[in-house]
Each structure stands twice: as structure tokens, then as C-alpha cells.
Amino acid sequence: MESLLPMIVNLVSGAVGGNAAGGLMKNFSLGTLWNSVVGILGGGIGGQVLGMLGMGGGGGMDLTGILSSVAAGGAGGGVLLAVVGMIKKAMGK
């Protein structure tokens, strides 16, 4: 279970990050459901990438590991939502 906690935190915080980004950037929002889906994907990717770089997804259940997982997942979710939103907007023109 200890090895799954950082991934779960990344995915949940990715969903939150995706919805927060969608709320802040209304023109890139995909709606609550798709903001969450894209955020979850971005959270997983962001957590893995930053974990490989040694900057996020600490891998432990200590406070630092959990906070780094939250930051990595939230940032990944927000960034991926912005990218997907920009692509969707560009394709709509």
C-alpha cells in the first residue's frame, strides 16, 4: 500500500489541478468531467516524470513525500489540461 499512495495522491491531485486550471482558464476548459480525466492523466504523467528526476512523488508516506506528490500531480494535471485545451481550441477554428 505504501508504494501505491504516491500514485493515488498524484492522480487525485491531478484531477483537482485539471479542474482548477479549467476554472482559471475558461477558454481552455473541457467541462468538469473531461477536466478531471485529463487532469488524472496529467497527474500520473507529471508524478512519474518528476519522480524520475528526483523532484516529486517522494515514494514515502512522510509529509514531504505526500506534499511533493500533490505538487507534481496538480502541476501535471494543470499543464496537460492547458495543452489539450489549446489543441482543442486551435482545431475548432
N, C-alpha and C. Protein backbone atom coordinates (compact mmCIF):
# COMPACT_ATOMS: atom_id res chain seq x y z
N MET A 1 0.82 -1.20 0.00
CA MET A 1 0.00 0.00 0.00
C MET A 1 0.85 1.26 0.00
N GLU A 2 2.00 1.19 0.69
CA GLU A 2 2.85 2.37 0.76
C GLU A 2 3.36 2.79 -0.61
N SER A 3 3.57 1.85 -1.51
CA SER A 3 4.05 2.20 -2.85
C SER A 3 2.93 2.77 -3.72
N LEU A 4 1.68 2.47 -3.40
CA LEU A 4 0.56 2.99 -4.18
C LEU A 4 0.12 4.39 -3.75
N LEU A 5 0.41 4.76 -2.51
CA LEU A 5 -0.06 6.05 -2.01
C LEU A 5 0.41 7.24 -2.85
N PRO A 6 1.69 7.33 -3.20
CA PRO A 6 2.10 8.48 -4.02
C PRO A 6 1.37 8.55 -5.36
N MET A 7 1.12 7.40 -6.00
CA MET A 7 0.41 7.39 -7.28
C MET A 7 -1.04 7.82 -7.10
N ILE A 8 -1.69 7.34 -6.05
CA ILE A 8 -3.07 7.74 -5.78
C ILE A 8 -3.15 9.24 -5.52
N VAL A 9 -2.20 9.74 -4.74
CA VAL A 9 -2.16 11.19 -4.46
C VAL A 9 -1.92 11.97 -5.74
N ASN A 10 -1.02 11.49 -6.61
CA ASN A 10 -0.77 12.15 -7.90
C ASN A 10 -2.05 12.21 -8.73
N LEU A 11 -2.78 11.11 -8.80
CA LEU A 11 -3.98 11.06 -9.64
C LEU A 11 -5.08 11.97 -9.10
N VAL A 12 -5.30 11.93 -7.79
CA VAL A 12 -6.34 12.78 -7.20
C VAL A 12 -5.95 14.26 -7.33
N SER A 13 -4.71 14.57 -7.03
CA SER A 13 -4.31 15.98 -7.14
C SER A 13 -4.26 16.42 -8.60
N GLY A 14 -4.03 15.50 -9.52
CA GLY A 14 -4.11 15.82 -10.94
C GLY A 14 -5.52 16.20 -11.35
N ALA A 15 -6.51 15.47 -10.84
CA ALA A 15 -7.91 15.81 -11.12
C ALA A 15 -8.24 17.19 -10.56
N VAL A 16 -7.78 17.47 -9.36
CA VAL A 16 -8.01 18.79 -8.76
C VAL A 16 -7.28 19.87 -9.56
N GLY A 17 -6.05 19.59 -9.96
CA GLY A 17 -5.28 20.55 -10.76
C GLY A 17 -5.92 20.80 -12.11
N GLY A 18 -6.44 19.76 -12.74
CA GLY A 18 -7.11 19.92 -14.03
C GLY A 18 -8.36 20.78 -13.91
N ASN A 19 -9.15 20.55 -12.86
CA ASN A 19 -10.36 21.35 -12.67
C ASN A 19 -10.02 22.78 -12.26
N ALA A 20 -8.96 22.96 -11.48
CA ALA A 20 -8.55 24.32 -11.11
C ALA A 20 -8.07 25.08 -12.34
N ALA A 21 -7.30 24.41 -13.19
CA ALA A 21 -6.84 25.06 -14.42
C ALA A 21 -8.01 25.39 -15.33
N GLY A 22 -8.98 24.47 -15.42
CA GLY A 22 -10.17 24.72 -16.22
C GLY A 22 -10.97 25.90 -15.69
N GLY A 23 -11.01 26.04 -14.37
CA GLY A 23 -11.72 27.17 -13.77
C GLY A 23 -11.01 28.49 -13.99
N LEU A 24 -9.68 28.45 -13.99
CA LEU A 24 -8.91 29.68 -14.19
C LEU A 24 -8.82 30.08 -15.66
N MET A 25 -8.78 29.10 -16.54
CA MET A 25 -8.65 29.36 -17.97
C MET A 25 -9.93 28.88 -18.65
N LYS A 26 -10.97 29.66 -18.54
CA LYS A 26 -12.30 29.26 -19.04
C LYS A 26 -12.27 28.91 -20.53
N ASN A 27 -11.44 29.59 -21.30
CA ASN A 27 -11.43 29.34 -22.74
C ASN A 27 -10.77 28.00 -23.10
N PHE A 28 -10.05 27.37 -22.16
CA PHE A 28 -9.45 26.07 -22.40
C PHE A 28 -10.17 24.95 -21.67
N SER A 29 -11.20 25.27 -20.90
CA SER A 29 -11.91 24.28 -20.12
C SER A 29 -12.63 23.28 -21.01
N LEU A 30 -12.63 22.02 -20.60
CA LEU A 30 -13.29 20.96 -21.35
C LEU A 30 -14.56 20.49 -20.66
N GLY A 31 -14.93 21.14 -19.59
CA GLY A 31 -16.06 20.69 -18.77
C GLY A 31 -15.53 19.88 -17.60
N THR A 32 -16.30 19.77 -16.55
CA THR A 32 -15.82 19.14 -15.32
C THR A 32 -15.34 17.71 -15.53
N LEU A 33 -16.10 16.91 -16.25
CA LEU A 33 -15.71 15.51 -16.45
C LEU A 33 -14.39 15.40 -17.19
N TRP A 34 -14.26 16.07 -18.32
CA TRP A 34 -13.04 15.96 -19.11
C TRP A 34 -11.87 16.70 -18.48
N ASN A 35 -12.14 17.78 -17.74
CA ASN A 35 -11.06 18.41 -16.97
C ASN A 35 -10.49 17.41 -15.97
N SER A 36 -11.38 16.63 -15.34
CA SER A 36 -10.94 15.63 -14.38
C SER A 36 -10.15 14.51 -15.05
N VAL A 37 -10.66 14.01 -16.18
CA VAL A 37 -9.99 12.91 -16.88
C VAL A 37 -8.60 13.34 -17.36
N VAL A 38 -8.53 14.50 -17.99
CA VAL A 38 -7.23 14.99 -18.48
C VAL A 38 -6.32 15.29 -17.29
N GLY A 39 -6.89 15.83 -16.22
CA GLY A 39 -6.10 16.11 -15.02
C GLY A 39 -5.53 14.84 -14.39
N ILE A 40 -6.33 13.77 -14.36
CA ILE A 40 -5.85 12.49 -13.81
C ILE A 40 -4.69 11.97 -14.65
N LEU A 41 -4.83 12.02 -15.97
CA LEU A 41 -3.74 11.58 -16.85
C LEU A 41 -2.49 12.45 -16.64
N GLY A 42 -2.70 13.76 -16.58
CA GLY A 42 -1.58 14.67 -16.36
C GLY A 42 -0.93 14.49 -15.01
N GLY A 43 -1.75 14.21 -14.00
CA GLY A 43 -1.21 13.97 -12.66
C GLY A 43 -0.34 12.73 -12.62
N GLY A 44 -0.79 11.67 -13.28
CA GLY A 44 0.02 10.46 -13.34
C GLY A 44 1.32 10.67 -14.09
N ILE A 45 1.23 11.35 -15.22
CA ILE A 45 2.43 11.62 -16.02
C ILE A 45 3.37 12.56 -15.28
N GLY A 46 2.81 13.64 -14.72
CA GLY A 46 3.64 14.60 -14.00
C GLY A 46 4.33 13.99 -12.80
N GLY A 47 3.62 13.16 -12.06
CA GLY A 47 4.22 12.49 -10.92
C GLY A 47 5.35 11.55 -11.32
N GLN A 48 5.16 10.83 -12.42
CA GLN A 48 6.19 9.90 -12.88
C GLN A 48 7.42 10.65 -13.39
N VAL A 49 7.20 11.69 -14.17
CA VAL A 49 8.32 12.45 -14.73
C VAL A 49 9.13 13.12 -13.62
N LEU A 50 8.44 13.81 -12.72
CA LEU A 50 9.17 14.48 -11.65
C LEU A 50 9.77 13.48 -10.68
N GLY A 51 9.14 12.32 -10.51
CA GLY A 51 9.71 11.27 -9.68
C GLY A 51 11.01 10.73 -10.27
N MET A 52 11.06 10.59 -11.60
CA MET A 52 12.28 10.13 -12.25
C MET A 52 13.40 11.15 -12.13
N LEU A 53 13.02 12.42 -12.10
CA LEU A 53 14.01 13.48 -11.96
C LEU A 53 14.41 13.70 -10.50
N GLY A 54 13.74 13.00 -9.60
CA GLY A 54 14.05 13.11 -8.19
C GLY A 54 13.44 14.33 -7.53
N MET A 55 12.44 14.96 -8.19
CA MET A 55 11.86 16.19 -7.66
C MET A 55 10.46 16.02 -7.12
N GLY A 56 9.79 14.94 -7.42
CA GLY A 56 8.41 14.80 -6.98
C GLY A 56 8.07 13.36 -6.75
N GLY A 57 6.91 13.13 -6.17
CA GLY A 57 6.48 11.76 -5.93
C GLY A 57 7.45 11.02 -5.05
N GLY A 58 7.76 11.58 -3.89
CA GLY A 58 8.80 11.10 -3.00
C GLY A 58 8.81 9.61 -2.72
N GLY A 59 7.71 8.93 -2.90
CA GLY A 59 7.69 7.50 -2.73
C GLY A 59 7.44 7.06 -1.30
N GLY A 60 7.34 7.98 -0.38
CA GLY A 60 7.12 7.62 1.01
C GLY A 60 5.83 8.20 1.53
N MET A 61 5.51 7.81 2.75
CA MET A 61 4.29 8.31 3.37
C MET A 61 4.58 9.46 4.32
N ASP A 62 5.80 9.99 4.30
CA ASP A 62 6.11 11.13 5.14
C ASP A 62 5.51 12.39 4.52
N LEU A 63 5.49 13.46 5.27
CA LEU A 63 4.85 14.69 4.82
C LEU A 63 5.50 15.24 3.56
N THR A 64 6.80 15.19 3.47
CA THR A 64 7.49 15.71 2.29
C THR A 64 7.13 14.91 1.04
N GLY A 65 7.06 13.59 1.15
CA GLY A 65 6.70 12.76 0.01
C GLY A 65 5.28 13.01 -0.46
N ILE A 66 4.37 13.17 0.48
CA ILE A 66 2.97 13.42 0.13
C ILE A 66 2.82 14.80 -0.51
N LEU A 67 3.47 15.81 0.07
CA LEU A 67 3.38 17.16 -0.50
C LEU A 67 4.01 17.24 -1.88
N SER A 68 5.11 16.52 -2.09
CA SER A 68 5.72 16.54 -3.42
C SER A 68 4.83 15.81 -4.43
N SER A 69 4.13 14.76 -3.99
CA SER A 69 3.19 14.07 -4.88
C SER A 69 2.02 14.98 -5.23
N VAL A 70 1.51 15.73 -4.26
CA VAL A 70 0.42 16.67 -4.52
C VAL A 70 0.86 17.73 -5.51
N ALA A 71 2.05 18.30 -5.30
CA ALA A 71 2.54 19.34 -6.20
C ALA A 71 2.77 18.81 -7.61
N ALA A 72 3.40 17.64 -7.71
CA ALA A 72 3.67 17.06 -9.03
C ALA A 72 2.39 16.70 -9.76
N GLY A 73 1.45 16.10 -9.06
CA GLY A 73 0.18 15.72 -9.68
C GLY A 73 -0.64 16.93 -10.09
N GLY A 74 -0.74 17.91 -9.21
CA GLY A 74 -1.51 19.12 -9.52
C GLY A 74 -0.92 19.89 -10.70
N ALA A 75 0.39 20.03 -10.70
CA ALA A 75 1.04 20.73 -11.80
C ALA A 75 0.88 19.97 -13.11
N GLY A 76 1.08 18.66 -13.07
CA GLY A 76 0.92 17.85 -14.28
C GLY A 76 -0.50 17.91 -14.83
N GLY A 77 -1.48 17.85 -13.95
CA GLY A 77 -2.87 17.94 -14.37
C GLY A 77 -3.20 19.28 -15.00
N GLY A 78 -2.73 20.34 -14.38
CA GLY A 78 -2.98 21.68 -14.91
C GLY A 78 -2.30 21.92 -16.25
N VAL A 79 -1.06 21.47 -16.36
CA VAL A 79 -0.31 21.67 -17.61
C VAL A 79 -0.93 20.87 -18.75
N LEU A 80 -1.26 19.61 -18.51
CA LEU A 80 -1.85 18.80 -19.58
C LEU A 80 -3.20 19.35 -20.00
N LEU A 81 -3.99 19.84 -19.05
CA LEU A 81 -5.28 20.43 -19.42
C LEU A 81 -5.07 21.66 -20.30
N ALA A 82 -4.10 22.49 -19.96
CA ALA A 82 -3.83 23.68 -20.77
C ALA A 82 -3.42 23.28 -22.19
N VAL A 83 -2.57 22.27 -22.31
CA VAL A 83 -2.12 21.82 -23.63
C VAL A 83 -3.28 21.25 -24.44
N VAL A 84 -4.08 20.37 -23.83
CA VAL A 84 -5.21 19.77 -24.54
C VAL A 84 -6.24 20.84 -24.89
N GLY A 85 -6.47 21.78 -23.97
CA GLY A 85 -7.41 22.87 -24.24
C GLY A 85 -6.97 23.74 -25.40
N MET A 86 -5.65 24.03 -25.47
CA MET A 86 -5.12 24.83 -26.59
C MET A 86 -5.28 24.09 -27.91
N ILE A 87 -5.00 22.78 -27.91
CA ILE A 87 -5.15 21.99 -29.12
C ILE A 87 -6.59 21.95 -29.57
N LYS A 88 -7.51 21.75 -28.63
CA LYS A 88 -8.94 21.71 -28.95
C LYS A 88 -9.40 23.05 -29.52
N LYS A 89 -8.94 24.14 -28.90
CA LYS A 89 -9.32 25.45 -29.38
C LYS A 89 -8.77 25.73 -30.78
N ALA A 90 -7.52 25.31 -31.02
CA ALA A 90 -6.92 25.51 -32.34
C ALA A 90 -7.62 24.69 -33.41
N MET A 91 -8.07 23.49 -33.07
CA MET A 91 -8.75 22.64 -34.04
C MET A 91 -10.16 23.14 -34.33
N GLY A 92 -10.73 23.89 -33.41
CA GLY A 92 -12.08 24.41 -33.58
C GLY A 92 -12.17 25.58 -34.54
N LYS A 93 -11.03 26.18 -34.86
CA LYS A 93 -11.03 27.36 -35.74
C LYS A 93 -10.98 26.97 -37.17
